[in-house]
């Protein structure tokens, strides 16, 4: 049986989707954990076609239909965000501090801002992206529930 991400392909809107950009990762994480969910963070890059596919066909539908807590931060973006330690840095600095070098990269955070599943790095083959995403979501949800 196909997972949540795989079953949502093609069910999203025909226009470009958007994900919220956080001003505070601790607040976004607290909201996610209150729903017994991991915080999913998509690292994107303006002009990245694989980012559009990941966001529009997988992540935005999961957020809208499954209620998953998903935010987006952008490489090269100078908007400030509060990190998990309570400090303030630009989105680009935050992404660099995580060691992310490829867009899209999807990260899964649990209590204390710890990563609770393997990162989903790159666009992969579209036929399998949903399955890879489902696998990581299962792992992240189990870590948050446990």
C-alpha atoms as a PDB file:
ATOM      1  CA  UNK A   1       0.000   0.000   0.000  1.00  0.00           C
ATOM      2  CA  UNK A   2       1.352   3.444  -0.887  1.00  0.00           C
ATOM      3  CA  UNK A   3       2.230   5.804   1.932  1.00  0.00           C
ATOM      4  CA  UNK A   4       0.842   9.255   2.592  1.00  0.00           C
ATOM      5  CA  UNK A   5       3.391  11.099   0.487  1.00  0.00           C
ATOM      6  CA  UNK A   6       3.153   8.698  -2.419  1.00  0.00           C
ATOM      7  CA  UNK A   7      -0.645   8.834  -2.444  1.00  0.00           C
ATOM      8  CA  UNK A   8      -0.695  12.637  -2.577  1.00  0.00           C
ATOM      9  CA  UNK A   9       1.230  12.965  -5.835  1.00  0.00           C
ATOM     10  CA  UNK A  10      -0.864  14.854  -8.323  1.00  0.00           C
ATOM     11  CA  UNK A  11      -3.459  15.793  -5.709  1.00  0.00           C
ATOM     12  CA  UNK A  12      -1.912  19.171  -4.970  1.00  0.00           C
ATOM     13  CA  UNK A  13      -2.926  22.502  -6.452  1.00  0.00           C
ATOM     14  CA  UNK A  14      -2.164  23.343 -10.064  1.00  0.00           C
ATOM     15  CA  UNK A  15      -0.370  26.542  -8.980  1.00  0.00           C
ATOM     16  CA  UNK A  16       2.896  26.947  -7.121  1.00  0.00           C
ATOM     17  CA  UNK A  17       2.586  25.942  -3.493  1.00  0.00           C
ATOM     18  CA  UNK A  18       4.279  27.675  -0.622  1.00  0.00           C
ATOM     19  CA  UNK A  19       5.427  26.620   2.808  1.00  0.00           C
ATOM     20  CA  UNK A  20       5.697  28.955   5.791  1.00  0.00           C
ATOM     21  CA  UNK A  21       9.077  30.468   6.569  1.00  0.00           C
ATOM     22  CA  UNK A  22       9.700  30.302  10.302  1.00  0.00           C
ATOM     23  CA  UNK A  23      10.822  33.193  12.446  1.00  0.00           C
ATOM     24  CA  UNK A  24      11.396  30.842  15.393  1.00  0.00           C
ATOM     25  CA  UNK A  25      12.356  27.189  15.037  1.00  0.00           C
ATOM     26  CA  UNK A  26      11.684  26.507  18.758  1.00  0.00           C
ATOM     27  CA  UNK A  27       8.109  27.797  18.336  1.00  0.00           C
ATOM     28  CA  UNK A  28       7.591  25.809  15.131  1.00  0.00           C
ATOM     29  CA  UNK A  29       8.958  22.694  16.851  1.00  0.00           C
ATOM     30  CA  UNK A  30       6.727  23.190  19.903  1.00  0.00           C
ATOM     31  CA  UNK A  31       3.668  23.464  17.644  1.00  0.00           C
ATOM     32  CA  UNK A  32       4.679  20.275  15.810  1.00  0.00           C
ATOM     33  CA  UNK A  33       5.332  18.324  19.004  1.00  0.00           C
ATOM     34  CA  UNK A  34       1.970  19.458  20.406  1.00  0.00           C
ATOM     35  CA  UNK A  35       0.449  17.541  17.474  1.00  0.00           C
ATOM     36  CA  UNK A  36       2.755  14.565  18.206  1.00  0.00           C
ATOM     37  CA  UNK A  37       4.514  15.248  14.937  1.00  0.00           C
ATOM     38  CA  UNK A  38       8.104  15.970  13.942  1.00  0.00           C
ATOM     39  CA  UNK A  39       8.977  19.376  12.539  1.00  0.00           C
ATOM     40  CA  UNK A  40       9.828  18.952   8.872  1.00  0.00           C
ATOM     41  CA  UNK A  41      12.159  21.595   7.432  1.00  0.00           C
ATOM     42  CA  UNK A  42      12.657  21.930   3.700  1.00  0.00           C
ATOM     43  CA  UNK A  43      15.860  23.624   2.585  1.00  0.00           C
ATOM     44  CA  UNK A  44      15.154  25.254  -0.761  1.00  0.00           C
ATOM     45  CA  UNK A  45      16.875  27.495  -3.283  1.00  0.00           C
ATOM     46  CA  UNK A  46      15.202  30.084  -5.481  1.00  0.00           C
ATOM     47  CA  UNK A  47      15.158  28.807  -9.061  1.00  0.00           C
ATOM     48  CA  UNK A  48      15.670  25.153  -8.103  1.00  0.00           C
ATOM     49  CA  UNK A  49      13.309  23.003 -10.221  1.00  0.00           C
ATOM     50  CA  UNK A  50      13.671  19.953  -7.956  1.00  0.00           C
ATOM     51  CA  UNK A  51      12.689  22.146  -4.982  1.00  0.00           C
ATOM     52  CA  UNK A  52       9.477  23.116  -6.769  1.00  0.00           C
ATOM     53  CA  UNK A  53       8.659  19.449  -7.408  1.00  0.00           C
ATOM     54  CA  UNK A  54       9.365  18.419  -3.801  1.00  0.00           C
ATOM     55  CA  UNK A  55       7.396  21.346  -2.370  1.00  0.00           C
ATOM     56  CA  UNK A  56       4.426  21.381  -4.753  1.00  0.00           C
ATOM     57  CA  UNK A  57       3.892  17.652  -5.231  1.00  0.00           C
ATOM     58  CA  UNK A  58       4.856  16.223  -1.848  1.00  0.00           C
ATOM     59  CA  UNK A  59       5.418  18.600   1.059  1.00  0.00           C
ATOM     60  CA  UNK A  60       2.671  21.199   0.561  1.00  0.00           C
ATOM     61  CA  UNK A  61      -0.020  18.517   0.066  1.00  0.00           C
ATOM     62  CA  UNK A  62       1.187  16.721   3.218  1.00  0.00           C
ATOM     63  CA  UNK A  63       0.974  19.961   5.137  1.00  0.00           C
ATOM     64  CA  UNK A  64      -2.454  20.853   3.805  1.00  0.00           C
ATOM     65  CA  UNK A  65      -4.145  17.448   3.805  1.00  0.00           C
ATOM     66  CA  UNK A  66      -2.312  15.520   6.520  1.00  0.00           C
ATOM     67  CA  UNK A  67      -1.668  18.473   8.838  1.00  0.00           C
ATOM     68  CA  UNK A  68       2.068  17.848   8.985  1.00  0.00           C
ATOM     69  CA  UNK A  69       4.168  20.690  10.427  1.00  0.00           C
ATOM     70  CA  UNK A  70       6.441  21.778   7.581  1.00  0.00           C
ATOM     71  CA  UNK A  71       8.461  24.980   7.201  1.00  0.00           C
ATOM     72  CA  UNK A  72      10.890  26.164   4.549  1.00  0.00           C
ATOM     73  CA  UNK A  73      14.233  27.942   4.798  1.00  0.00           C
ATOM     74  CA  UNK A  74      16.092  29.197   1.756  1.00  0.00           C
ATOM     75  CA  UNK A  75      19.751  29.080   0.830  1.00  0.00           C
ATOM     76  CA  UNK A  76      21.142  32.590   0.327  1.00  0.00           C
ATOM     77  CA  UNK A  77      18.205  34.136   2.231  1.00  0.00           C
ATOM     78  CA  UNK A  78      19.173  36.828   4.722  1.00  0.00           C
ATOM     79  CA  UNK A  79      15.908  36.741   6.703  1.00  0.00           C
ATOM     80  CA  UNK A  80      16.557  36.151  10.394  1.00  0.00           C
ATOM     81  CA  UNK A  81      15.334  33.044  12.171  1.00  0.00           C
ATOM     82  CA  UNK A  82      15.699  31.942  15.780  1.00  0.00           C
ATOM     83  CA  UNK A  83      17.612  28.655  15.884  1.00  0.00           C
ATOM     84  CA  UNK A  84      16.976  25.771  18.273  1.00  0.00           C
ATOM     85  CA  UNK A  85      19.584  27.133  20.713  1.00  0.00           C
ATOM     86  CA  UNK A  86      17.739  30.468  20.924  1.00  0.00           C
ATOM     87  CA  UNK A  87      20.242  32.412  18.827  1.00  0.00           C
ATOM     88  CA  UNK A  88      19.381  34.466  15.791  1.00  0.00           C
ATOM     89  CA  UNK A  89      20.948  33.954  12.390  1.00  0.00           C
ATOM     90  CA  UNK A  90      20.046  34.295   8.741  1.00  0.00           C
ATOM     91  CA  UNK A  91      18.377  31.383   7.010  1.00  0.00           C
ATOM     92  CA  UNK A  92      21.543  30.935   4.935  1.00  0.00           C
ATOM     93  CA  UNK A  93      23.750  30.825   8.064  1.00  0.00           C
ATOM     94  CA  UNK A  94      21.391  28.320   9.675  1.00  0.00           C
ATOM     95  CA  UNK A  95      21.502  26.067   6.630  1.00  0.00           C
ATOM     96  CA  UNK A  96      25.309  26.234   6.578  1.00  0.00           C
ATOM     97  CA  UNK A  97      25.434  25.397  10.303  1.00  0.00           C
ATOM     98  CA  UNK A  98      23.489  22.221   9.517  1.00  0.00           C
ATOM     99  CA  UNK A  99      26.040  21.333   6.832  1.00  0.00           C
ATOM    100  CA  UNK A 100      23.412  21.320   4.081  1.00  0.00           C
ATOM    101  CA  UNK A 101      24.922  21.858   0.637  1.00  0.00           C
ATOM    102  CA  UNK A 102      22.198  20.533  -1.692  1.00  0.00           C
ATOM    103  CA  UNK A 103      18.693  21.787  -2.395  1.00  0.00           C
ATOM    104  CA  UNK A 104      16.226  20.412  -1.790  1.00  0.00           C
ATOM    105  CA  UNK A 105      17.133  18.827   1.512  1.00  0.00           C
ATOM    106  CA  UNK A 106      14.388  17.809   3.923  1.00  0.00           C
ATOM    107  CA  UNK A 107      15.230  17.511   7.625  1.00  0.00           C
ATOM    108  CA  UNK A 108      13.144  15.984  10.415  1.00  0.00           C
ATOM    109  CA  UNK A 109      13.391  17.398  13.947  1.00  0.00           C
ATOM    110  CA  UNK A 110      12.144  16.122  17.291  1.00  0.00           C
ATOM    111  CA  UNK A 111      12.552  17.112  20.927  1.00  0.00           C
ATOM    112  CA  UNK A 112      15.369  19.537  21.622  1.00  0.00           C
ATOM    113  CA  UNK A 113      15.871  20.219  17.927  1.00  0.00           C
ATOM    114  CA  UNK A 114      17.520  16.822  17.390  1.00  0.00           C
ATOM    115  CA  UNK A 115      17.293  15.247  13.952  1.00  0.00           C
ATOM    116  CA  UNK A 116      15.122  12.143  14.248  1.00  0.00           C
ATOM    117  CA  UNK A 117      15.347  10.681  10.739  1.00  0.00           C
ATOM    118  CA  UNK A 118      17.823  10.506   7.901  1.00  0.00           C
ATOM    119  CA  UNK A 119      17.856  13.620   5.742  1.00  0.00           C
ATOM    120  CA  UNK A 120      16.198  13.452   2.342  1.00  0.00           C
ATOM    121  CA  UNK A 121      18.860  15.025   0.126  1.00  0.00           C
ATOM    122  CA  UNK A 122      18.301  16.040  -3.488  1.00  0.00           C
ATOM    123  CA  UNK A 123      15.467  15.502  -5.908  1.00  0.00           C
ATOM    124  CA  UNK A 124      15.917  11.765  -6.430  1.00  0.00           C
ATOM    125  CA  UNK A 125      13.842  10.070  -9.082  1.00  0.00           C
ATOM    126  CA  UNK A 126      10.293  11.457  -8.885  1.00  0.00           C
ATOM    127  CA  UNK A 127       8.803   7.952  -9.016  1.00  0.00           C
ATOM    128  CA  UNK A 128      10.505   7.090  -5.729  1.00  0.00           C
ATOM    129  CA  UNK A 129      10.590  10.438  -3.884  1.00  0.00           C
ATOM    130  CA  UNK A 130       7.267   9.801  -2.144  1.00  0.00           C
ATOM    131  CA  UNK A 131       8.446   6.412  -0.892  1.00  0.00           C
ATOM    132  CA  UNK A 132      11.697   7.879   0.447  1.00  0.00           C
ATOM    133  CA  UNK A 133       9.735  10.661   2.147  1.00  0.00           C
ATOM    134  CA  UNK A 134       7.235   8.204   3.656  1.00  0.00           C
ATOM    135  CA  UNK A 135      10.072   6.084   5.045  1.00  0.00           C
ATOM    136  CA  UNK A 136      11.684   9.048   6.778  1.00  0.00           C
ATOM    137  CA  UNK A 137       8.354  10.320   8.089  1.00  0.00           C
ATOM    138  CA  UNK A 138       7.639   6.905   9.638  1.00  0.00           C
ATOM    139  CA  UNK A 139      11.024   6.979  11.363  1.00  0.00           C
ATOM    140  CA  UNK A 140      10.562  10.578  12.557  1.00  0.00           C
ATOM    141  CA  UNK A 141       7.028   9.978  13.840  1.00  0.00           C
ATOM    142  CA  UNK A 142       8.161   6.887  15.748  1.00  0.00           C
ATOM    143  CA  UNK A 143      10.997   8.864  17.354  1.00  0.00           C
ATOM    144  CA  UNK A 144       8.634  11.661  18.399  1.00  0.00           C
ATOM    145  CA  UNK A 145       6.031   9.215  19.742  1.00  0.00           C
ATOM    146  CA  UNK A 146       8.611   7.213  21.697  1.00  0.00           C
END
